[in-house]
Amino acid sequence: MIETTVYVDGMMCGMCESHVNDAVRKAFPEAKKVSSSHTKGQTVIQSEQELDEQKLRDAINATGYEVKGVKSAPYEKKGFFSFLKK
């Protein structure tokens, strides 16, 4: 799994978060999880494959918000008993 964090400028409320989430889901239907936070100014996307950064920027910028940066890193789900897996 890959976790992509997009730093988004211009989100002010929950509806803004919803607009960004919808745009990402429409551009990347294969995304497993999409969540935005206007207080943090970021959107976090979890997917099986790395996402096309330019397509991601274009999708979010088209909603009227501005992408300030994109960061991708491997993601491993951590649960309560994750310490047992070694």
PDB file of N, CA and C in Angstrom:
ATOM      1  N   MET A   1       0.839  -1.180   0.000  1.00  0.00           N
ATOM      2  CA  MET A   1       0.000   0.000   0.000  1.00  0.00           C
ATOM      3  C   MET A   1       0.883   1.243   0.000  1.00  0.00           C
ATOM      4  N   ILE A   2       0.377   2.273  -0.645  1.00  0.00           N
ATOM      5  CA  ILE A   2       1.056   3.562  -0.715  1.00  0.00           C
ATOM      6  C   ILE A   2       0.151   4.601  -0.066  1.00  0.00           C
ATOM      7  N   GLU A   3       0.732   5.452   0.771  1.00  0.00           N
ATOM      8  CA  GLU A   3      -0.012   6.561   1.355  1.00  0.00           C
ATOM      9  C   GLU A   3       0.519   7.855   0.747  1.00  0.00           C
ATOM     10  N   THR A   4      -0.370   8.583   0.104  1.00  0.00           N
ATOM     11  CA  THR A   4      -0.015   9.849  -0.534  1.00  0.00           C
ATOM     12  C   THR A   4      -0.642  10.983   0.256  1.00  0.00           C
ATOM     13  N   THR A   5       0.192  11.923   0.681  1.00  0.00           N
ATOM     14  CA  THR A   5      -0.290  13.099   1.403  1.00  0.00           C
ATOM     15  C   THR A   5      -0.178  14.299   0.474  1.00  0.00           C
ATOM     16  N   VAL A   6      -1.300  14.974   0.284  1.00  0.00           N
ATOM     17  CA  VAL A   6      -1.354  16.154  -0.577  1.00  0.00           C
ATOM     18  C   VAL A   6      -1.637  17.357   0.307  1.00  0.00           C
ATOM     19  N   TYR A   7      -0.777  18.364   0.223  1.00  0.00           N
ATOM     20  CA  TYR A   7      -0.963  19.587   0.999  1.00  0.00           C
ATOM     21  C   TYR A   7      -1.786  20.553   0.156  1.00  0.00           C
ATOM     22  N   VAL A   8      -2.979  20.873   0.644  1.00  0.00           N
ATOM     23  CA  VAL A   8      -3.961  21.636  -0.124  1.00  0.00           C
ATOM     24  C   VAL A   8      -4.239  22.967   0.575  1.00  0.00           C
ATOM     25  N   ASP A   9      -4.162  24.051  -0.187  1.00  0.00           N
ATOM     26  CA  ASP A   9      -4.445  25.383   0.334  1.00  0.00           C
ATOM     27  C   ASP A   9      -5.838  25.804  -0.099  1.00  0.00           C
ATOM     28  N   GLY A  10      -6.593  26.398   0.805  1.00  0.00           N
ATOM     29  CA  GLY A  10      -7.900  26.940   0.444  1.00  0.00           C
ATOM     30  C   GLY A  10      -9.079  26.218   1.071  1.00  0.00           C
ATOM     31  N   MET A  11      -8.869  25.060   1.688  1.00  0.00           N
ATOM     32  CA  MET A  11      -9.982  24.363   2.336  1.00  0.00           C
ATOM     33  C   MET A  11     -10.317  25.083   3.636  1.00  0.00           C
ATOM     34  N   MET A  12     -11.601  25.427   3.819  1.00  0.00           N
ATOM     35  CA  MET A  12     -12.016  26.188   4.993  1.00  0.00           C
ATOM     36  C   MET A  12     -13.030  25.461   5.879  1.00  0.00           C
ATOM     37  N   CYS A  13     -13.658  24.397   5.326  1.00  0.00           N
ATOM     38  CA  CYS A  13     -14.730  23.752   6.088  1.00  0.00           C
ATOM     39  C   CYS A  13     -14.890  22.294   5.643  1.00  0.00           C
ATOM     40  N   GLY A  14     -15.845  21.622   6.245  1.00  0.00           N
ATOM     41  CA  GLY A  14     -16.117  20.230   5.908  1.00  0.00           C
ATOM     42  C   GLY A  14     -16.584  20.054   4.469  1.00  0.00           C
ATOM     43  N   MET A  15     -17.313  21.029   3.939  1.00  0.00           N
ATOM     44  CA  MET A  15     -17.776  20.934   2.555  1.00  0.00           C
ATOM     45  C   MET A  15     -16.602  21.026   1.589  1.00  0.00           C
ATOM     46  N   CYS A  16     -15.609  21.834   1.931  1.00  0.00           N
ATOM     47  CA  CYS A  16     -14.388  21.918   1.117  1.00  0.00           C
ATOM     48  C   CYS A  16     -13.695  20.555   1.082  1.00  0.00           C
ATOM     49  N   GLU A  17     -13.616  19.915   2.255  1.00  0.00           N
ATOM     50  CA  GLU A  17     -13.009  18.583   2.347  1.00  0.00           C
ATOM     51  C   GLU A  17     -13.753  17.611   1.436  1.00  0.00           C
ATOM     52  N   SER A  18     -15.072  17.683   1.460  1.00  0.00           N
ATOM     53  CA  SER A  18     -15.903  16.800   0.639  1.00  0.00           C
ATOM     54  C   SER A  18     -15.656  17.019  -0.851  1.00  0.00           C
ATOM     55  N   HIS A  19     -15.528  18.283  -1.279  1.00  0.00           N
ATOM     56  CA  HIS A  19     -15.252  18.579  -2.689  1.00  0.00           C
ATOM     57  C   HIS A  19     -13.921  17.972  -3.125  1.00  0.00           C
ATOM     58  N   VAL A  20     -12.898  18.113  -2.293  1.00  0.00           N
ATOM     59  CA  VAL A  20     -11.580  17.562  -2.629  1.00  0.00           C
ATOM     60  C   VAL A  20     -11.645  16.038  -2.661  1.00  0.00           C
ATOM     61  N   ASN A  21     -12.287  15.433  -1.661  1.00  0.00           N
ATOM     62  CA  ASN A  21     -12.409  13.971  -1.622  1.00  0.00           C
ATOM     63  C   ASN A  21     -13.111  13.441  -2.865  1.00  0.00           C
ATOM     64  N   ASP A  22     -14.203  14.085  -3.256  1.00  0.00           N
ATOM     65  CA  ASP A  22     -14.954  13.664  -4.446  1.00  0.00           C
ATOM     66  C   ASP A  22     -14.104  13.773  -5.706  1.00  0.00           C
ATOM     67  N   ALA A  23     -13.338  14.851  -5.824  1.00  0.00           N
ATOM     68  CA  ALA A  23     -12.485  15.042  -7.004  1.00  0.00           C
ATOM     69  C   ALA A  23     -11.420  13.947  -7.085  1.00  0.00           C
ATOM     70  N   VAL A  24     -10.833  13.603  -5.936  1.00  0.00           N
ATOM     71  CA  VAL A  24      -9.801  12.554  -5.911  1.00  0.00           C
ATOM     72  C   VAL A  24     -10.418  11.201  -6.243  1.00  0.00           C
ATOM     73  N   ARG A  25     -11.567  10.892  -5.657  1.00  0.00           N
ATOM     74  CA  ARG A  25     -12.228   9.602  -5.926  1.00  0.00           C
ATOM     75  C   ARG A  25     -12.636   9.480  -7.394  1.00  0.00           C
ATOM     76  N   LYS A  26     -13.059  10.587  -7.993  1.00  0.00           N
ATOM     77  CA  LYS A  26     -13.456  10.568  -9.405  1.00  0.00           C
ATOM     78  C   LYS A  26     -12.235  10.340 -10.303  1.00  0.00           C
ATOM     79  N   ALA A  27     -11.113  10.979  -9.980  1.00  0.00           N
ATOM     80  CA  ALA A  27      -9.892  10.844 -10.779  1.00  0.00           C
ATOM     81  C   ALA A  27      -9.203   9.496 -10.543  1.00  0.00           C
ATOM     82  N   PHE A  28      -9.341   8.967  -9.322  1.00  0.00           N
ATOM     83  CA  PHE A  28      -8.682   7.707  -8.953  1.00  0.00           C
ATOM     84  C   PHE A  28      -9.687   6.771  -8.278  1.00  0.00           C
ATOM     85  N   PRO A  29     -10.541   6.115  -9.064  1.00  0.00           N
ATOM     86  CA  PRO A  29     -11.537   5.214  -8.462  1.00  0.00           C
ATOM     87  C   PRO A  29     -10.895   4.017  -7.746  1.00  0.00           C
ATOM     88  N   GLU A  30      -9.631   3.751  -8.039  1.00  0.00           N
ATOM     89  CA  GLU A  30      -8.942   2.629  -7.401  1.00  0.00           C
ATOM     90  C   GLU A  30      -8.422   2.975  -6.002  1.00  0.00           C
ATOM     91  N   ALA A  31      -8.554   4.227  -5.576  1.00  0.00           N
ATOM     92  CA  ALA A  31      -8.090   4.634  -4.240  1.00  0.00           C
ATOM     93  C   ALA A  31      -8.887   3.896  -3.179  1.00  0.00           C
ATOM     94  N   LYS A  32      -8.195   3.354  -2.193  1.00  0.00           N
ATOM     95  CA  LYS A  32      -8.842   2.589  -1.125  1.00  0.00           C
ATOM     96  C   LYS A  32      -9.468   3.498  -0.077  1.00  0.00           C
ATOM     97  N   LYS A  33      -8.791   4.593   0.257  1.00  0.00           N
ATOM     98  CA  LYS A  33      -9.292   5.509   1.275  1.00  0.00           C
ATOM     99  C   LYS A  33      -8.844   6.928   0.936  1.00  0.00           C
ATOM    100  N   VAL A  34      -9.760   7.876   1.086  1.00  0.00           N
ATOM    101  CA  VAL A  34      -9.456   9.288   0.853  1.00  0.00           C
ATOM    102  C   VAL A  34     -10.027  10.076   2.024  1.00  0.00           C
ATOM    103  N   SER A  35      -9.183  10.849   2.683  1.00  0.00           N
ATOM    104  CA  SER A  35      -9.688  11.693   3.769  1.00  0.00           C
ATOM    105  C   SER A  35      -8.962  13.031   3.760  1.00  0.00           C
ATOM    106  N   SER A  36      -9.727  14.094   3.976  1.00  0.00           N
ATOM    107  CA  SER A  36      -9.174  15.445   3.976  1.00  0.00           C
ATOM    108  C   SER A  36      -9.397  16.090   5.328  1.00  0.00           C
ATOM    109  N   SER A  37      -8.532  17.035   5.646  1.00  0.00           N
ATOM    110  CA  SER A  37      -8.666  17.821   6.875  1.00  0.00           C
ATOM    111  C   SER A  37      -8.383  19.277   6.541  1.00  0.00           C
ATOM    112  N   HIS A  38      -9.401  20.128   6.705  1.00  0.00           N
ATOM    113  CA  HIS A  38      -9.180  21.550   6.426  1.00  0.00           C
ATOM    114  C   HIS A  38      -8.314  22.184   7.506  1.00  0.00           C
ATOM    115  N   THR A  39      -8.355  21.653   8.731  1.00  0.00           N
ATOM    116  CA  THR A  39      -7.529  22.225   9.803  1.00  0.00           C
ATOM    117  C   THR A  39      -6.047  21.926   9.586  1.00  0.00           C
ATOM    118  N   LYS A  40      -5.750  20.748   9.041  1.00  0.00           N
ATOM    119  CA  LYS A  40      -4.358  20.387   8.743  1.00  0.00           C
ATOM    120  C   LYS A  40      -3.936  20.859   7.355  1.00  0.00           C
ATOM    121  N   GLY A  41      -4.919  21.140   6.500  1.00  0.00           N
ATOM    122  CA  GLY A  41      -4.616  21.565   5.137  1.00  0.00           C
ATOM    123  C   GLY A  41      -4.040  20.443   4.297  1.00  0.00           C
ATOM    124  N   GLN A  42      -4.580  19.238   4.501  1.00  0.00           N
ATOM    125  CA  GLN A  42      -4.043  18.103   3.738  1.00  0.00           C
ATOM    126  C   GLN A  42      -5.109  17.065   3.425  1.00  0.00           C
ATOM    127  N   THR A  43      -4.821  16.294   2.392  1.00  0.00           N
ATOM    128  CA  THR A  43      -5.636  15.162   1.988  1.00  0.00           C
ATOM    129  C   THR A  43      -4.734  13.940   1.984  1.00  0.00           C
ATOM    130  N   VAL A  44      -5.198  12.860   2.597  1.00  0.00           N
ATOM    131  CA  VAL A  44      -4.419  11.620   2.658  1.00  0.00           C
ATOM    132  C   VAL A  44      -5.148  10.563   1.851  1.00  0.00           C
ATOM    133  N   ILE A  45      -4.409   9.923   0.928  1.00  0.00           N
ATOM    134  CA  ILE A  45      -4.977   8.921   0.030  1.00  0.00           C
ATOM    135  C   ILE A  45      -4.200   7.627   0.198  1.00  0.00           C
ATOM    136  N   GLN A  46      -4.911   6.526   0.394  1.00  0.00           N
ATOM    137  CA  GLN A  46      -4.276   5.216   0.458  1.00  0.00           C
ATOM    138  C   GLN A  46      -4.682   4.440  -0.787  1.00  0.00           C
ATOM    139  N   SER A  47      -3.683   3.853  -1.442  1.00  0.00           N
ATOM    140  CA  SER A  47      -3.940   3.112  -2.675  1.00  0.00           C
ATOM    141  C   SER A  47      -2.933   1.972  -2.816  1.00  0.00           C
ATOM    142  N   GLU A  48      -3.266   1.031  -3.680  1.00  0.00           N
ATOM    143  CA  GLU A  48      -2.373  -0.108  -3.919  1.00  0.00           C
ATOM    144  C   GLU A  48      -1.140   0.311  -4.721  1.00  0.00           C
ATOM    145  N   GLN A  49      -1.350   1.186  -5.704  1.00  0.00           N
ATOM    146  CA  GLN A  49      -0.273   1.637  -6.582  1.00  0.00           C
ATOM    147  C   GLN A  49      -0.028   3.127  -6.351  1.00  0.00           C
ATOM    148  N   GLU A  50       1.169   3.573  -6.712  1.00  0.00           N
ATOM    149  CA  GLU A  50       1.484   4.994  -6.610  1.00  0.00           C
ATOM    150  C   GLU A  50       0.623   5.769  -7.612  1.00  0.00           C
ATOM    151  N   LEU A  51       0.143   6.929  -7.192  1.00  0.00           N
ATOM    152  CA  LEU A  51      -0.741   7.734  -8.025  1.00  0.00           C
ATOM    153  C   LEU A  51       0.062   8.673  -8.917  1.00  0.00           C
ATOM    154  N   ASP A  52      -0.513   8.994 -10.078  1.00  0.00           N
ATOM    155  CA  ASP A  52       0.088   9.952 -10.999  1.00  0.00           C
ATOM    156  C   ASP A  52      -0.032  11.344 -10.385  1.00  0.00           C
ATOM    157  N   GLU A  53       1.110  11.924 -10.005  1.00  0.00           N
ATOM    158  CA  GLU A  53       1.115  13.196  -9.278  1.00  0.00           C
ATOM    159  C   GLU A  53       0.482  14.322 -10.083  1.00  0.00           C
ATOM    160  N   GLN A  54       0.770  14.410 -11.372  1.00  0.00           N
ATOM    161  CA  GLN A  54       0.220  15.500 -12.185  1.00  0.00           C
ATOM    162  C   GLN A  54      -1.291  15.378 -12.311  1.00  0.00           C
ATOM    163  N   LYS A  55      -1.786  14.161 -12.493  1.00  0.00           N
ATOM    164  CA  LYS A  55      -3.234  13.934 -12.579  1.00  0.00           C
ATOM    165  C   LYS A  55      -3.902  14.309 -11.251  1.00  0.00           C
ATOM    166  N   LEU A  56      -3.239  14.004 -10.145  1.00  0.00           N
ATOM    167  CA  LEU A  56      -3.744  14.339  -8.820  1.00  0.00           C
ATOM    168  C   LEU A  56      -3.806  15.857  -8.627  1.00  0.00           C
ATOM    169  N   ARG A  57      -2.721  16.545  -8.993  1.00  0.00           N
ATOM    170  CA  ARG A  57      -2.685  18.012  -8.907  1.00  0.00           C
ATOM    171  C   ARG A  57      -3.785  18.633  -9.763  1.00  0.00           C
ATOM    172  N   ASP A  58      -3.934  18.141 -10.993  1.00  0.00           N
ATOM    173  CA  ASP A  58      -4.943  18.690 -11.905  1.00  0.00           C
ATOM    174  C   ASP A  58      -6.355  18.502 -11.352  1.00  0.00           C
ATOM    175  N   ALA A  59      -6.636  17.326 -10.785  1.00  0.00           N
ATOM    176  CA  ALA A  59      -7.973  17.032 -10.253  1.00  0.00           C
ATOM    177  C   ALA A  59      -8.316  17.970  -9.098  1.00  0.00           C
ATOM    178  N   ILE A  60      -7.373  18.193  -8.189  1.00  0.00           N
ATOM    179  CA  ILE A  60      -7.640  19.054  -7.031  1.00  0.00           C
ATOM    180  C   ILE A  60      -7.657  20.527  -7.437  1.00  0.00           C
ATOM    181  N   ASN A  61      -6.719  20.941  -8.287  1.00  0.00           N
ATOM    182  CA  ASN A  61      -6.685  22.344  -8.738  1.00  0.00           C
ATOM    183  C   ASN A  61      -7.955  22.716  -9.496  1.00  0.00           C
ATOM    184  N   ALA A  62      -8.561  21.748 -10.188  1.00  0.00           N
ATOM    185  CA  ALA A  62      -9.788  22.010 -10.946  1.00  0.00           C
ATOM    186  C   ALA A  62     -10.964  22.340 -10.028  1.00  0.00           C
ATOM    187  N   THR A  63     -10.885  21.966  -8.762  1.00  0.00           N
ATOM    188  CA  THR A  63     -11.958  22.268  -7.813  1.00  0.00           C
ATOM    189  C   THR A  63     -11.836  23.676  -7.243  1.00  0.00           C
ATOM    190  N   GLY A  64     -10.730  24.355  -7.535  1.00  0.00           N
ATOM    191  CA  GLY A  64     -10.541  25.711  -7.042  1.00  0.00           C
ATOM    192  C   GLY A  64      -9.588  25.806  -5.862  1.00  0.00           C
ATOM    193  N   TYR A  65      -9.085  24.671  -5.407  1.00  0.00           N
ATOM    194  CA  TYR A  65      -8.119  24.649  -4.312  1.00  0.00           C
ATOM    195  C   TYR A  65      -6.726  24.502  -4.907  1.00  0.00           C
ATOM    196  N   GLU A  66      -5.706  24.877  -4.163  1.00  0.00           N
ATOM    197  CA  GLU A  66      -4.345  24.864  -4.691  1.00  0.00           C
ATOM    198  C   GLU A  66      -3.496  23.808  -3.993  1.00  0.00           C
ATOM    199  N   VAL A  67      -2.863  22.948  -4.796  1.00  0.00           N
ATOM    200  CA  VAL A  67      -1.961  21.925  -4.259  1.00  0.00           C
ATOM    201  C   VAL A  67      -0.601  22.571  -4.007  1.00  0.00           C
ATOM    202  N   LYS A  68      -0.149  22.492  -2.761  1.00  0.00           N
ATOM    203  CA  LYS A  68       1.140  23.077  -2.372  1.00  0.00           C
ATOM    204  C   LYS A  68       2.264  22.047  -2.379  1.00  0.00           C
ATOM    205  N   GLY A  69       1.920  20.766  -2.306  1.00  0.00           N
ATOM    206  CA  GLY A  69       2.944  19.725  -2.297  1.00  0.00           C
ATOM    207  C   GLY A  69       2.323  18.340  -2.231  1.00  0.00           C
ATOM    208  N   VAL A  70       3.106  17.344  -2.665  1.00  0.00           N
ATOM    209  CA  VAL A  70       2.654  15.956  -2.659  1.00  0.00           C
ATOM    210  C   VAL A  70       3.791  15.098  -2.126  1.00  0.00           C
ATOM    211  N   LYS A  71       3.456  14.178  -1.216  1.00  0.00           N
ATOM    212  CA  LYS A  71       4.453  13.280  -0.640  1.00  0.00           C
ATOM    213  C   LYS A  71       3.872  11.872  -0.609  1.00  0.00           C
ATOM    214  N   SER A  72       4.626  10.884  -1.098  1.00  0.00           N
ATOM    215  CA  SER A  72       4.187   9.492  -1.080  1.00  0.00           C
ATOM    216  C   SER A  72       5.169   8.659  -0.276  1.00  0.00           C
ATOM    217  N   ALA A  73       4.618   7.666   0.433  1.00  0.00           N
ATOM    218  CA  ALA A  73       5.454   6.776   1.233  1.00  0.00           C
ATOM    219  C   ALA A  73       4.743   5.434   1.355  1.00  0.00           C
ATOM    220  N   PRO A  74       5.498   4.355   1.544  1.00  0.00           N
ATOM    221  CA  PRO A  74       4.865   3.056   1.785  1.00  0.00           C
ATOM    222  C   PRO A  74       4.013   3.119   3.048  1.00  0.00           C
ATOM    223  N   TYR A  75       2.904   2.397   3.043  1.00  0.00           N
ATOM    224  CA  TYR A  75       1.990   2.411   4.176  1.00  0.00           C
ATOM    225  C   TYR A  75       1.713   0.991   4.616  1.00  0.00           C
ATOM    226  N   GLU A  76       1.811   0.771   5.904  1.00  0.00           N
ATOM    227  CA  GLU A  76       1.468  -0.526   6.470  1.00  0.00           C
ATOM    228  C   GLU A  76       0.427  -0.285   7.548  1.00  0.00           C
ATOM    229  N   LYS A  77      -0.703  -0.955   7.415  1.00  0.00           N
ATOM    230  CA  LYS A  77      -1.786  -0.770   8.372  1.00  0.00           C
ATOM    231  C   LYS A  77      -1.330  -1.221   9.754  1.00  0.00           C
ATOM    232  N   LYS A  78      -1.561  -0.371  10.731  1.00  0.00           N
ATOM    233  CA  LYS A  78      -1.190  -0.691  12.102  1.00  0.00           C
ATOM    234  C   LYS A  78      -2.461  -0.848  12.920  1.00  0.00           C
ATOM    235  N   GLY A  79      -2.585  -1.988  13.541  1.00  0.00           N
ATOM    236  CA  GLY A  79      -3.734  -2.245  14.400  1.00  0.00           C
ATOM    237  C   GLY A  79      -3.282  -2.440  15.833  1.00  0.00           C
ATOM    238  N   PHE A  80      -4.224  -2.773  16.667  1.00  0.00           N
ATOM    239  CA  PHE A  80      -3.934  -2.944  18.086  1.00  0.00           C
ATOM    240  C   PHE A  80      -2.909  -4.045  18.338  1.00  0.00           C
ATOM    241  N   PHE A  81      -2.971  -5.122  17.540  1.00  0.00           N
ATOM    242  CA  PHE A  81      -2.064  -6.247  17.742  1.00  0.00           C
ATOM    243  C   PHE A  81      -0.907  -6.270  16.759  1.00  0.00           C
ATOM    244  N   SER A  82      -0.593  -5.128  16.145  1.00  0.00           N
ATOM    245  CA  SER A  82       0.481  -5.083  15.149  1.00  0.00           C
ATOM    246  C   SER A  82       1.844  -5.422  15.746  1.00  0.00           C
ATOM    247  N   PHE A  83       2.014  -5.228  17.057  1.00  0.00           N
ATOM    248  CA  PHE A  83       3.290  -5.551  17.681  1.00  0.00           C
ATOM    249  C   PHE A  83       3.587  -7.043  17.642  1.00  0.00           C
ATOM    250  N   LEU A  84       2.561  -7.875  17.413  1.00  0.00           N
ATOM    251  CA  LEU A  84       2.747  -9.324  17.342  1.00  0.00           C
ATOM    252  C   LEU A  84       3.338  -9.766  16.010  1.00  0.00           C
ATOM    253  N   LYS A  85       3.185  -8.946  14.975  1.00  0.00           N
ATOM    254  CA  LYS A  85       3.683  -9.288  13.639  1.00  0.00           C
ATOM    255  C   LYS A  85       5.138  -8.905  13.515  1.00  0.00           C
ATOM    256  N   LYS A  86       6.002  -9.869  13.452  1.00  0.00           N
ATOM    257  CA  LYS A  86       7.440  -9.599  13.263  1.00  0.00           C
ATOM    258  C   LYS A  86       8.077 -10.690  12.493  1.00  0.00           C
TER     259      LYS A  86
END
